Amino acid sequence: MASNSSKVPANRFSRFGSLASLAGRVAGGMLAEGARQLAQGKVPAKTDMLLTPANVRRVADQLAHLRGAAMKVGQLLSMDAGDMLPPALADILSRLRASANPMPAKQLAKVLQDEWGPNWQQHFADFSFMPLAAASIGQVHQAYHDNGKRLAVKVQYPGIKHSIDSDVDNVATLLRISGIIPAEVDYHSLLAEAKLQLKAEADYLQEAAYLSEYRQLLGQSADFLLPEPVTALSTSNILVMSYVDGVPIESLTTQSQAVRDRVMRLLFALLFRELFEFALVQTDPNFANYLYNTDTAQLVLLDFGACRHYSTQFSQGYRALFTAALVNNNDGMAQALSDIGFFSQHIVPEQKQAVLQLVAIACEPLMKDAVFDFGATDLAIRLRDAGTALSTQQQYWHSPPADALFLHRKIGGLYLLAARLKARVNVRELLQPYLL
């Protein structure tokens, strides 16, 4: 977590001014770098001028200061557009996934008073003003209820809800002007969906409802541990939950192979249950959404703001897609993708074949009824390269349906985590019960 607090700019004009100021500083940095390279006898490329360490740091730091949708767009880019972004920018933007600058105590106190009234402290035996974590939309504090129960309190940054539309538009404009997003990309429908998703994530009462729904769906499972929402204290801007202990999921790299394998088996099995049984998927692949309780050997699930309900038709489309992919049935895969909503725009045969090839690569962990070693594969690199080739060589910038994009984010995130943990999992065995 960032150690320095900074006041969250709460009104639209101050937020836009921050982004405009950032654009000016980035442009100035580009000019300076271009002049430096020219002085050395080089002809600078635009991306070289843009993606200096100082410029990239400016972008990341400014988004972390703004929080909210501005920071979320940076997170989305770092995970979803890794194949579009140069490595330098992707690496720096990835800093935004886990941390932001926390609010100063004075601003936090005002939020608490606005939500709970002037006597808000009566509900608590203790409330720590030092946040445990600060992310894109809110920060989390530890507290003790007046009944002694230990709590986690997620407090939303002020003005975030009202800034979503303008933030997304402003960041997209900044990235378009900078040349980071290619001119051919039709990103408007994706941005519209991102706005809807962010507004849903900013409704903490809705998140509390999703958390309750997941607790009910998972029942008394001994494998998972979820916080319990405290509805009497929760509002649309504050989510109060029971405190759940656990270590960061990435820290399991030091655990035994058996522990790492089991954790990833649980996550892949949960994904298939979400898609084919629950029709409800938590689509945010941020590693910070998972902890591991070493005392109980349970996987802790956190943050249910990015949940999406999926239709039976959508789930059936993926059931058919996986079934066809496992026997290399290209016609079946193409039909399933079409049923899901792909190929809605004109596409030439070469582009269609490239999409099918990309799907085939993504399905590699499913192809054999055997353990897949995620730590000994270059799957993530090949997926990135295939995506790049599809975008640049085939000139296919058609965005997939939003529901599919968010599901692919989740699957890609699980692949990344499995690779990080060097897990070995028979994914086919977990999927088999759901195939046609």
Protein backbone atom coordinates (compact mmCIF):
# COMPACT_ATOMS: atom_id res chain seq x y z
CA MET A 1 0.00 0.00 0.00
CA ALA A 2 1.20 3.49 -0.75
CA SER A 3 2.54 5.16 2.36
CA ASN A 4 1.64 8.74 1.45
CA SER A 5 -1.96 9.87 1.83
CA SER A 6 -3.46 12.35 -0.60
CA LYS A 7 -6.86 13.98 -0.74
CA VAL A 8 -9.16 12.42 -3.31
CA PRO A 9 -10.21 15.10 -5.85
CA ALA A 10 -13.98 14.93 -5.42
CA ASN A 11 -15.37 17.26 -8.07
CA ARG A 12 -15.36 16.85 -11.83
CA PHE A 13 -13.37 19.99 -12.61
CA SER A 14 -10.49 19.24 -10.25
CA ARG A 15 -10.32 15.68 -11.60
CA PHE A 16 -10.34 16.84 -15.22
CA GLY A 17 -7.73 19.46 -14.37
CA SER A 18 -5.51 16.76 -12.91
CA LEU A 19 -5.76 14.70 -16.10
CA ALA A 20 -5.23 17.73 -18.34
CA SER A 21 -2.18 18.66 -16.29
CA LEU A 22 -0.93 15.11 -16.65
CA ALA A 23 -1.37 15.22 -20.44
CA GLY A 24 0.66 18.42 -20.54
CA ARG A 25 3.47 16.97 -18.47
CA VAL A 26 3.53 13.80 -20.55
CA ALA A 27 3.69 15.87 -23.73
CA GLY A 28 6.50 17.96 -22.25
CA GLY A 29 8.34 14.80 -21.34
CA MET A 30 7.91 13.51 -24.90
CA LEU A 31 9.39 16.70 -26.33
CA ALA A 32 12.34 16.55 -23.95
CA GLU A 33 13.04 12.90 -24.78
CA GLY A 34 12.70 13.62 -28.52
CA ALA A 35 15.19 16.47 -28.26
CA ARG A 36 17.59 14.27 -26.31
CA GLN A 37 17.47 11.51 -28.94
CA LEU A 38 17.85 13.99 -31.81
CA ALA A 39 20.92 15.43 -30.10
CA GLN A 40 22.38 11.91 -30.14
CA GLY A 41 21.75 11.62 -33.85
CA LYS A 42 18.74 9.32 -33.51
CA VAL A 43 15.32 9.67 -35.12
CA PRO A 44 12.98 9.08 -32.18
CA ALA A 45 9.88 6.92 -32.54
CA LYS A 46 6.71 8.28 -30.95
CA THR A 47 6.43 5.35 -28.54
CA ASP A 48 10.07 5.78 -27.45
CA MET A 49 9.39 9.43 -26.68
CA LEU A 50 6.19 8.64 -24.82
CA LEU A 51 7.25 5.62 -22.81
CA THR A 52 10.19 7.01 -20.91
CA PRO A 53 10.31 5.81 -17.29
CA ALA A 54 9.52 9.34 -16.08
CA ASN A 55 6.44 9.67 -18.31
CA VAL A 56 5.09 6.27 -17.42
CA ARG A 57 5.62 7.00 -13.73
CA ARG A 58 3.68 10.27 -14.15
CA VAL A 59 0.72 8.38 -15.62
CA ALA A 60 0.70 5.71 -12.92
CA ASP A 61 1.14 8.19 -10.06
CA GLN A 62 -1.61 10.49 -11.34
CA LEU A 63 -4.09 7.64 -11.72
CA ALA A 64 -3.24 6.43 -8.21
CA HIS A 65 -3.92 9.98 -6.92
CA LEU A 66 -7.29 10.21 -8.69
CA ARG A 67 -8.39 6.70 -7.69
CA GLY A 68 -11.83 5.64 -8.88
CA ALA A 69 -12.55 5.01 -12.52
CA ALA A 70 -9.33 6.71 -13.64
CA MET A 71 -7.28 4.20 -11.69
CA LYS A 72 -9.59 1.35 -12.66
CA VAL A 73 -9.05 2.07 -16.35
CA GLY A 74 -5.33 1.81 -15.70
CA GLN A 75 -5.90 -1.53 -14.00
CA LEU A 76 -8.07 -2.78 -16.85
CA LEU A 77 -5.44 -1.78 -19.38
CA SER A 78 -2.66 -3.46 -17.45
CA MET A 79 -4.55 -6.75 -17.39
CA ASP A 80 -6.77 -6.72 -20.48
CA ALA A 81 -4.65 -4.84 -22.98
CA GLY A 82 -1.29 -6.33 -22.16
CA ASP A 83 -1.04 -7.44 -25.76
CA MET A 84 -1.66 -3.86 -26.96
CA LEU A 85 0.59 -2.01 -24.55
CA PRO A 86 4.37 -1.84 -24.67
CA PRO A 87 5.94 -3.79 -21.77
CA ALA A 88 7.22 -0.64 -20.03
CA LEU A 89 3.73 0.82 -19.68
CA ALA A 90 2.12 -2.53 -18.80
CA ASP A 91 4.67 -3.06 -16.02
CA ILE A 92 4.14 0.36 -14.47
CA LEU A 93 0.35 0.25 -14.78
CA SER A 94 0.39 -3.11 -13.02
CA ARG A 95 1.42 -1.16 -9.90
CA LEU A 96 -2.13 0.15 -9.84
CA ARG A 97 -3.66 -3.26 -9.30
CA ALA A 98 -2.98 -3.50 -5.60
CA SER A 99 -2.56 -0.06 -4.11
CA ALA A 100 -3.58 3.59 -4.15
CA ASN A 101 -2.88 6.61 -1.98
CA PRO A 102 -5.11 6.49 1.13
CA MET A 103 -7.34 9.40 2.10
CA PRO A 104 -6.09 11.82 4.76
CA ALA A 105 -7.72 11.30 8.16
CA LYS A 106 -9.71 14.55 7.93
CA GLN A 107 -11.32 13.56 4.63
CA LEU A 108 -12.04 10.06 5.96
CA ALA A 109 -13.69 11.47 9.10
CA LYS A 110 -16.02 13.59 6.97
CA VAL A 111 -17.06 10.56 4.90
CA LEU A 112 -17.82 8.57 8.07
CA GLN A 113 -19.83 11.43 9.53
CA ASP A 114 -21.78 11.96 6.30
CA GLU A 115 -22.70 8.26 6.18
CA TRP A 116 -23.29 7.44 9.86
CA GLY A 117 -24.02 10.82 11.44
CA PRO A 118 -22.07 12.87 14.02
CA ASN A 119 -22.22 10.10 16.65
CA TRP A 120 -20.92 7.38 14.33
CA GLN A 121 -18.30 6.23 16.85
CA GLN A 122 -21.01 4.86 19.14
CA HIS A 123 -21.18 1.75 16.94
CA PHE A 124 -17.56 0.81 17.61
CA ALA A 125 -15.36 -0.09 20.53
CA ASP A 126 -12.40 0.86 18.31
CA PHE A 127 -11.93 2.19 14.76
CA SER A 128 -8.47 2.40 13.20
CA PHE A 129 -7.95 5.42 10.94
CA MET A 130 -4.89 3.78 9.39
CA PRO A 131 -6.18 1.75 6.42
CA LEU A 132 -5.25 -1.89 5.95
CA ALA A 133 -5.41 -1.41 2.18
CA ALA A 134 -6.26 1.33 -0.32
CA ALA A 135 -7.44 0.43 -3.81
CA SER A 136 -9.19 2.06 -6.75
CA ILE A 137 -12.68 2.73 -5.36
CA GLY A 138 -12.22 2.56 -1.61
CA GLN A 139 -9.97 1.75 1.31
CA VAL A 140 -10.35 -0.86 4.05
CA HIS A 141 -10.10 -0.22 7.80
CA GLN A 142 -10.06 -2.50 10.81
CA ALA A 143 -12.59 -1.87 13.54
CA TYR A 144 -14.20 -3.57 16.54
CA HIS A 145 -17.96 -3.51 16.91
CA ASP A 146 -19.30 -2.40 20.26
CA ASN A 147 -20.19 -6.09 20.76
CA GLY A 148 -16.48 -6.92 20.42
CA LYS A 149 -16.63 -8.47 16.93
CA ARG A 150 -13.64 -7.71 14.70
CA LEU A 151 -14.68 -5.97 11.49
CA ALA A 152 -13.33 -4.92 8.09
CA VAL A 153 -14.83 -1.61 6.94
CA LYS A 154 -14.56 -0.66 3.27
CA VAL A 155 -15.02 3.09 2.81
CA GLN A 156 -15.61 4.50 -0.67
CA TYR A 157 -13.67 7.57 -1.77
CA PRO A 158 -15.87 10.70 -1.97
CA GLY A 159 -17.09 11.73 -5.41
CA ILE A 160 -16.12 8.44 -7.05
CA LYS A 161 -19.64 7.51 -8.18
CA HIS A 162 -20.21 10.84 -9.90
CA SER A 163 -16.81 10.87 -11.59
CA ILE A 164 -17.04 7.51 -13.36
CA ASP A 165 -18.33 8.69 -16.75
CA SER A 166 -16.00 11.68 -17.03
CA ASP A 167 -13.00 9.78 -15.66
CA VAL A 168 -13.34 6.94 -18.16
CA ASP A 169 -13.80 9.38 -21.03
CA ASN A 170 -10.88 11.57 -19.92
CA VAL A 171 -8.47 8.66 -19.50
CA ALA A 172 -9.51 7.20 -22.85
CA THR A 173 -8.89 10.60 -24.47
CA LEU A 174 -5.48 10.84 -22.82
CA LEU A 175 -4.52 7.38 -24.05
CA ARG A 176 -5.87 8.04 -27.54
CA ILE A 177 -3.99 11.35 -27.85
CA SER A 178 -0.82 9.70 -26.61
CA GLY A 179 -1.06 7.04 -29.31
CA ILE A 180 -1.12 4.18 -26.79
CA ILE A 181 -4.50 2.98 -28.10
CA PRO A 182 -4.23 2.42 -31.89
CA ALA A 183 -6.51 4.61 -33.99
CA GLU A 184 -8.24 1.55 -35.49
CA VAL A 185 -9.60 0.31 -32.18
CA ASP A 186 -13.36 0.75 -31.73
CA TYR A 187 -13.42 0.99 -27.96
CA HIS A 188 -16.65 2.94 -27.41
CA SER A 189 -18.91 -0.03 -26.63
CA LEU A 190 -16.24 -1.40 -24.30
CA LEU A 191 -15.98 1.93 -22.47
CA ALA A 192 -19.76 2.09 -22.11
CA GLU A 193 -19.73 -1.37 -20.54
CA ALA A 194 -16.80 -0.42 -18.30
CA LYS A 195 -18.82 2.54 -16.99
CA LEU A 196 -21.77 0.29 -16.16
CA GLN A 197 -19.49 -2.20 -14.43
CA LEU A 198 -17.74 0.50 -12.41
CA LYS A 199 -21.05 1.99 -11.30
CA ALA A 200 -22.14 -1.46 -10.15
CA GLU A 201 -18.87 -1.90 -8.23
CA ALA A 202 -19.42 1.48 -6.55
CA ASP A 203 -22.74 0.30 -5.06
CA TYR A 204 -21.65 -1.31 -1.79
CA LEU A 205 -25.19 -2.43 -0.91
CA GLN A 206 -25.21 -4.41 -4.15
CA GLU A 207 -21.83 -5.88 -3.27
CA ALA A 208 -23.17 -6.89 0.14
CA ALA A 209 -26.05 -8.65 -1.62
CA TYR A 210 -23.62 -10.52 -3.91
CA LEU A 211 -21.52 -11.50 -0.90
CA SER A 212 -24.61 -12.91 0.81
CA GLU A 213 -25.57 -14.75 -2.39
CA TYR A 214 -22.11 -16.36 -2.64
CA ARG A 215 -22.23 -17.36 1.02
CA GLN A 216 -25.52 -19.10 0.31
CA LEU A 217 -24.31 -20.74 -2.94
CA LEU A 218 -21.15 -22.09 -1.34
CA GLY A 219 -23.09 -23.21 1.74
CA GLN A 220 -20.99 -24.66 4.50
CA SER A 221 -18.07 -25.58 2.20
CA ALA A 222 -15.00 -26.46 4.23
CA ASP A 223 -12.77 -25.20 1.40
CA PHE A 224 -13.82 -21.55 1.34
CA LEU A 225 -13.99 -18.77 3.89
CA LEU A 226 -16.03 -15.63 3.15
CA PRO A 227 -16.67 -12.55 5.28
CA GLU A 228 -20.20 -11.94 6.55
CA PRO A 229 -21.77 -8.57 5.71
CA VAL A 230 -23.00 -6.45 8.60
CA THR A 231 -26.09 -5.03 6.92
CA ALA A 232 -27.12 -2.82 9.85
CA LEU A 233 -24.00 -0.67 9.36
CA SER A 234 -23.51 -0.95 5.59
CA THR A 235 -24.55 1.83 3.19
CA SER A 236 -24.10 2.36 -0.54
CA ASN A 237 -20.72 3.98 0.28
CA ILE A 238 -19.55 1.87 3.25
CA LEU A 239 -19.43 -1.94 3.38
CA VAL A 240 -18.99 -3.44 6.85
CA MET A 241 -18.02 -7.11 7.08
CA SER A 242 -16.63 -9.57 9.56
CA TYR A 243 -12.83 -9.57 9.52
CA VAL A 244 -11.29 -12.63 7.85
CA ASP A 245 -7.67 -13.60 8.39
CA GLY A 246 -5.41 -14.79 5.60
CA VAL A 247 -2.07 -14.35 3.86
CA PRO A 248 -1.79 -12.93 0.30
CA ILE A 249 -2.38 -15.59 -2.33
CA GLU A 250 0.95 -14.78 -4.04
CA SER A 251 2.81 -15.63 -0.83
CA LEU A 252 1.92 -19.30 -1.35
CA THR A 253 4.92 -19.58 -3.66
CA THR A 254 6.80 -20.70 -0.54
CA GLN A 255 4.20 -23.35 0.34
CA SER A 256 4.37 -27.01 -0.72
CA GLN A 257 3.44 -28.11 -4.23
CA ALA A 258 0.39 -29.88 -2.78
CA VAL A 259 -0.94 -26.68 -1.20
CA ARG A 260 -0.39 -24.64 -4.37
CA ASP A 261 -2.04 -27.30 -6.53
CA ARG A 262 -5.04 -27.55 -4.23
CA VAL A 263 -5.62 -23.79 -4.16
CA MET A 264 -5.66 -23.60 -7.97
CA ARG A 265 -7.90 -26.69 -8.22
CA LEU A 266 -10.36 -24.92 -5.92
CA LEU A 267 -10.28 -21.76 -8.04
CA PHE A 268 -10.75 -23.54 -11.38
CA ALA A 269 -13.53 -25.72 -9.94
CA LEU A 270 -15.20 -22.58 -8.55
CA LEU A 271 -14.98 -20.88 -11.96
CA PHE A 272 -16.81 -23.77 -13.65
CA ARG A 273 -19.46 -23.77 -10.90
CA GLU A 274 -19.90 -20.01 -11.34
CA LEU A 275 -20.32 -20.29 -15.09
CA PHE A 276 -22.41 -23.47 -15.34
CA GLU A 277 -24.23 -23.75 -11.99
CA PHE A 278 -24.48 -20.33 -10.35
CA ALA A 279 -24.82 -18.29 -13.59
CA LEU A 280 -22.99 -15.68 -11.49
CA VAL A 281 -19.27 -14.98 -11.91
CA GLN A 282 -16.99 -12.78 -9.83
CA THR A 283 -15.07 -11.39 -12.81
CA ASP A 284 -12.27 -9.36 -11.18
CA PRO A 285 -9.02 -11.40 -11.38
CA ASN A 286 -7.05 -9.13 -9.06
CA PHE A 287 -4.85 -11.33 -6.86
CA ALA A 288 -5.75 -9.12 -3.88
CA ASN A 289 -9.26 -10.62 -3.97
CA TYR A 290 -7.89 -13.92 -2.64
CA LEU A 291 -6.25 -14.80 0.66
CA TYR A 292 -5.31 -18.13 2.20
CA ASN A 293 -6.02 -18.97 5.82
CA THR A 294 -3.10 -21.15 6.88
CA ASP A 295 -4.78 -22.17 10.16
CA THR A 296 -7.91 -23.60 8.55
CA ALA A 297 -6.42 -24.37 5.08
CA GLN A 298 -9.30 -22.40 3.54
CA LEU A 299 -9.29 -20.14 0.51
CA VAL A 300 -10.58 -16.69 1.46
CA LEU A 301 -12.76 -14.94 -1.13
CA LEU A 302 -12.99 -11.15 -0.96
CA ASP A 303 -14.50 -8.32 -3.02
CA PHE A 304 -17.71 -9.18 -4.85
CA GLY A 305 -18.28 -5.83 -6.54
CA ALA A 306 -17.44 -7.10 -10.03
CA CYS A 307 -19.99 -9.92 -10.15
CA ARG A 308 -21.98 -10.49 -13.32
CA HIS A 309 -25.06 -12.64 -13.89
CA TYR A 310 -24.85 -14.72 -17.06
CA SER A 311 -27.74 -16.02 -19.16
CA THR A 312 -28.36 -19.71 -19.82
CA GLN A 313 -27.66 -19.04 -23.52
CA PHE A 314 -24.27 -17.56 -22.69
CA SER A 315 -23.29 -20.46 -20.43
CA GLN A 316 -24.52 -22.96 -23.04
CA GLY A 317 -22.39 -21.18 -25.64
CA TYR A 318 -19.25 -21.78 -23.58
CA ARG A 319 -20.28 -25.37 -22.84
CA ALA A 320 -20.51 -25.93 -26.62
CA LEU A 321 -17.25 -24.02 -27.22
CA PHE A 322 -15.26 -26.13 -24.74
CA THR A 323 -16.84 -29.35 -26.03
CA ALA A 324 -15.91 -28.51 -29.63
CA ALA A 325 -12.41 -27.24 -28.75
CA LEU A 326 -11.50 -30.49 -27.01
CA VAL A 327 -11.99 -32.47 -30.23
CA ASN A 328 -10.58 -29.76 -32.55
CA ASN A 329 -13.97 -29.21 -34.15
CA ASN A 330 -13.44 -25.83 -35.81
CA ASP A 331 -16.97 -25.63 -37.21
CA GLY A 332 -18.41 -26.33 -33.77
CA MET A 333 -16.12 -23.73 -32.19
CA ALA A 334 -17.09 -21.13 -34.80
CA GLN A 335 -20.80 -21.80 -34.23
CA ALA A 336 -20.40 -21.60 -30.46
CA LEU A 337 -18.47 -18.31 -30.71
CA SER A 338 -21.17 -16.94 -33.00
CA ASP A 339 -23.86 -17.99 -30.49
CA ILE A 340 -21.92 -16.22 -27.71
CA GLY A 341 -21.85 -13.02 -29.78
CA PHE A 342 -18.53 -13.07 -31.63
CA PHE A 343 -18.28 -12.36 -35.37
CA SER A 344 -21.19 -9.91 -35.22
CA GLN A 345 -19.17 -7.60 -37.48
CA HIS A 346 -17.81 -8.45 -40.92
CA ILE A 347 -14.82 -10.75 -40.68
CA VAL A 348 -12.73 -12.32 -43.44
CA PRO A 349 -11.81 -16.05 -43.30
CA GLU A 350 -8.20 -15.32 -42.26
CA GLN A 351 -9.38 -13.25 -39.31
CA LYS A 352 -11.89 -15.89 -38.26
CA GLN A 353 -9.19 -18.56 -38.40
CA ALA A 354 -6.90 -16.42 -36.25
CA VAL A 355 -9.65 -16.06 -33.61
CA LEU A 356 -10.18 -19.84 -33.60
CA GLN A 357 -6.43 -20.35 -33.20
CA LEU A 358 -6.42 -17.97 -30.24
CA VAL A 359 -9.24 -19.97 -28.60
CA ALA A 360 -7.35 -23.20 -29.23
CA ILE A 361 -4.29 -21.82 -27.42
CA ALA A 362 -6.45 -20.65 -24.50
CA CYS A 363 -7.94 -24.16 -24.22
CA GLU A 364 -4.57 -25.92 -23.99
CA PRO A 365 -4.86 -26.65 -20.25
CA LEU A 366 -8.13 -28.48 -21.03
CA MET A 367 -6.97 -30.59 -23.96
CA LYS A 368 -5.72 -33.66 -22.06
CA ASP A 369 -7.20 -35.50 -19.13
CA ALA A 370 -3.93 -35.03 -17.27
CA VAL A 371 -2.14 -32.60 -15.00
CA PHE A 372 -1.18 -29.33 -16.73
CA ASP A 373 2.01 -27.75 -15.39
CA PHE A 374 1.34 -24.01 -15.44
CA GLY A 375 4.85 -23.28 -14.16
CA ALA A 376 6.52 -24.97 -17.12
CA THR A 377 4.60 -23.38 -19.98
CA ASP A 378 4.85 -20.23 -22.05
CA LEU A 379 1.06 -20.22 -22.48
CA ALA A 380 0.62 -16.62 -21.31
CA ILE A 381 3.31 -15.36 -23.71
CA ARG A 382 1.84 -17.26 -26.65
CA LEU A 383 -1.64 -15.96 -25.86
CA ARG A 384 -0.27 -12.41 -25.81
CA ASP A 385 1.60 -12.92 -29.10
CA ALA A 386 -1.45 -14.47 -30.78
CA GLY A 387 -3.58 -11.56 -29.59
CA THR A 388 -1.03 -9.08 -30.90
CA ALA A 389 -0.87 -10.84 -34.26
CA LEU A 390 -4.65 -10.83 -34.50
CA SER A 391 -4.71 -7.10 -33.81
CA THR A 392 -1.77 -5.96 -35.92
CA GLN A 393 -1.39 -8.48 -38.74
CA GLN A 394 -5.04 -9.40 -39.26
CA GLN A 395 -6.27 -5.86 -38.46
CA TYR A 396 -9.10 -7.37 -36.42
CA TRP A 397 -10.06 -4.84 -33.77
CA HIS A 398 -13.61 -6.09 -33.26
CA SER A 399 -14.26 -6.16 -29.52
CA PRO A 400 -15.80 -9.36 -28.13
CA PRO A 401 -19.13 -9.14 -26.29
CA ALA A 402 -18.71 -7.47 -22.91
CA ASP A 403 -19.89 -10.54 -21.00
CA ALA A 404 -17.24 -12.61 -22.78
CA LEU A 405 -14.53 -10.01 -22.17
CA PHE A 406 -15.13 -9.98 -18.42
CA LEU A 407 -15.18 -13.79 -18.32
CA HIS A 408 -11.91 -13.92 -20.28
CA ARG A 409 -10.38 -11.50 -17.77
CA LYS A 410 -11.25 -13.96 -15.02
CA ILE A 411 -9.84 -16.96 -16.90
CA GLY A 412 -6.69 -15.06 -17.85
CA GLY A 413 -6.23 -13.99 -14.24
CA LEU A 414 -6.47 -17.60 -13.06
CA TYR A 415 -3.87 -18.64 -15.66
CA LEU A 416 -1.54 -15.90 -14.43
CA LEU A 417 -2.01 -16.92 -10.80
CA ALA A 418 -1.49 -20.61 -11.64
CA ALA A 419 1.75 -19.70 -13.42
CA ARG A 420 2.86 -17.54 -10.49
CA LEU A 421 2.24 -20.44 -8.07
CA LYS A 422 3.75 -22.99 -10.52
CA ALA A 423 0.62 -25.07 -9.94
CA ARG A 424 -0.09 -28.43 -11.53
CA VAL A 425 -3.80 -29.01 -12.14
CA ASN A 426 -5.92 -31.44 -14.15
CA VAL A 427 -8.29 -28.76 -15.43
CA ARG A 428 -10.01 -31.15 -17.85
CA GLU A 429 -11.11 -33.34 -14.95
CA LEU A 430 -12.73 -30.33 -13.26
CA LEU A 431 -14.50 -29.26 -16.48
CA GLN A 432 -15.63 -32.75 -17.58
CA PRO A 433 -18.93 -32.85 -15.60
CA TYR A 434 -20.14 -29.76 -17.48
CA LEU A 435 -19.35 -30.83 -21.06
CA LEU A 436 -22.05 -31.77 -23.57
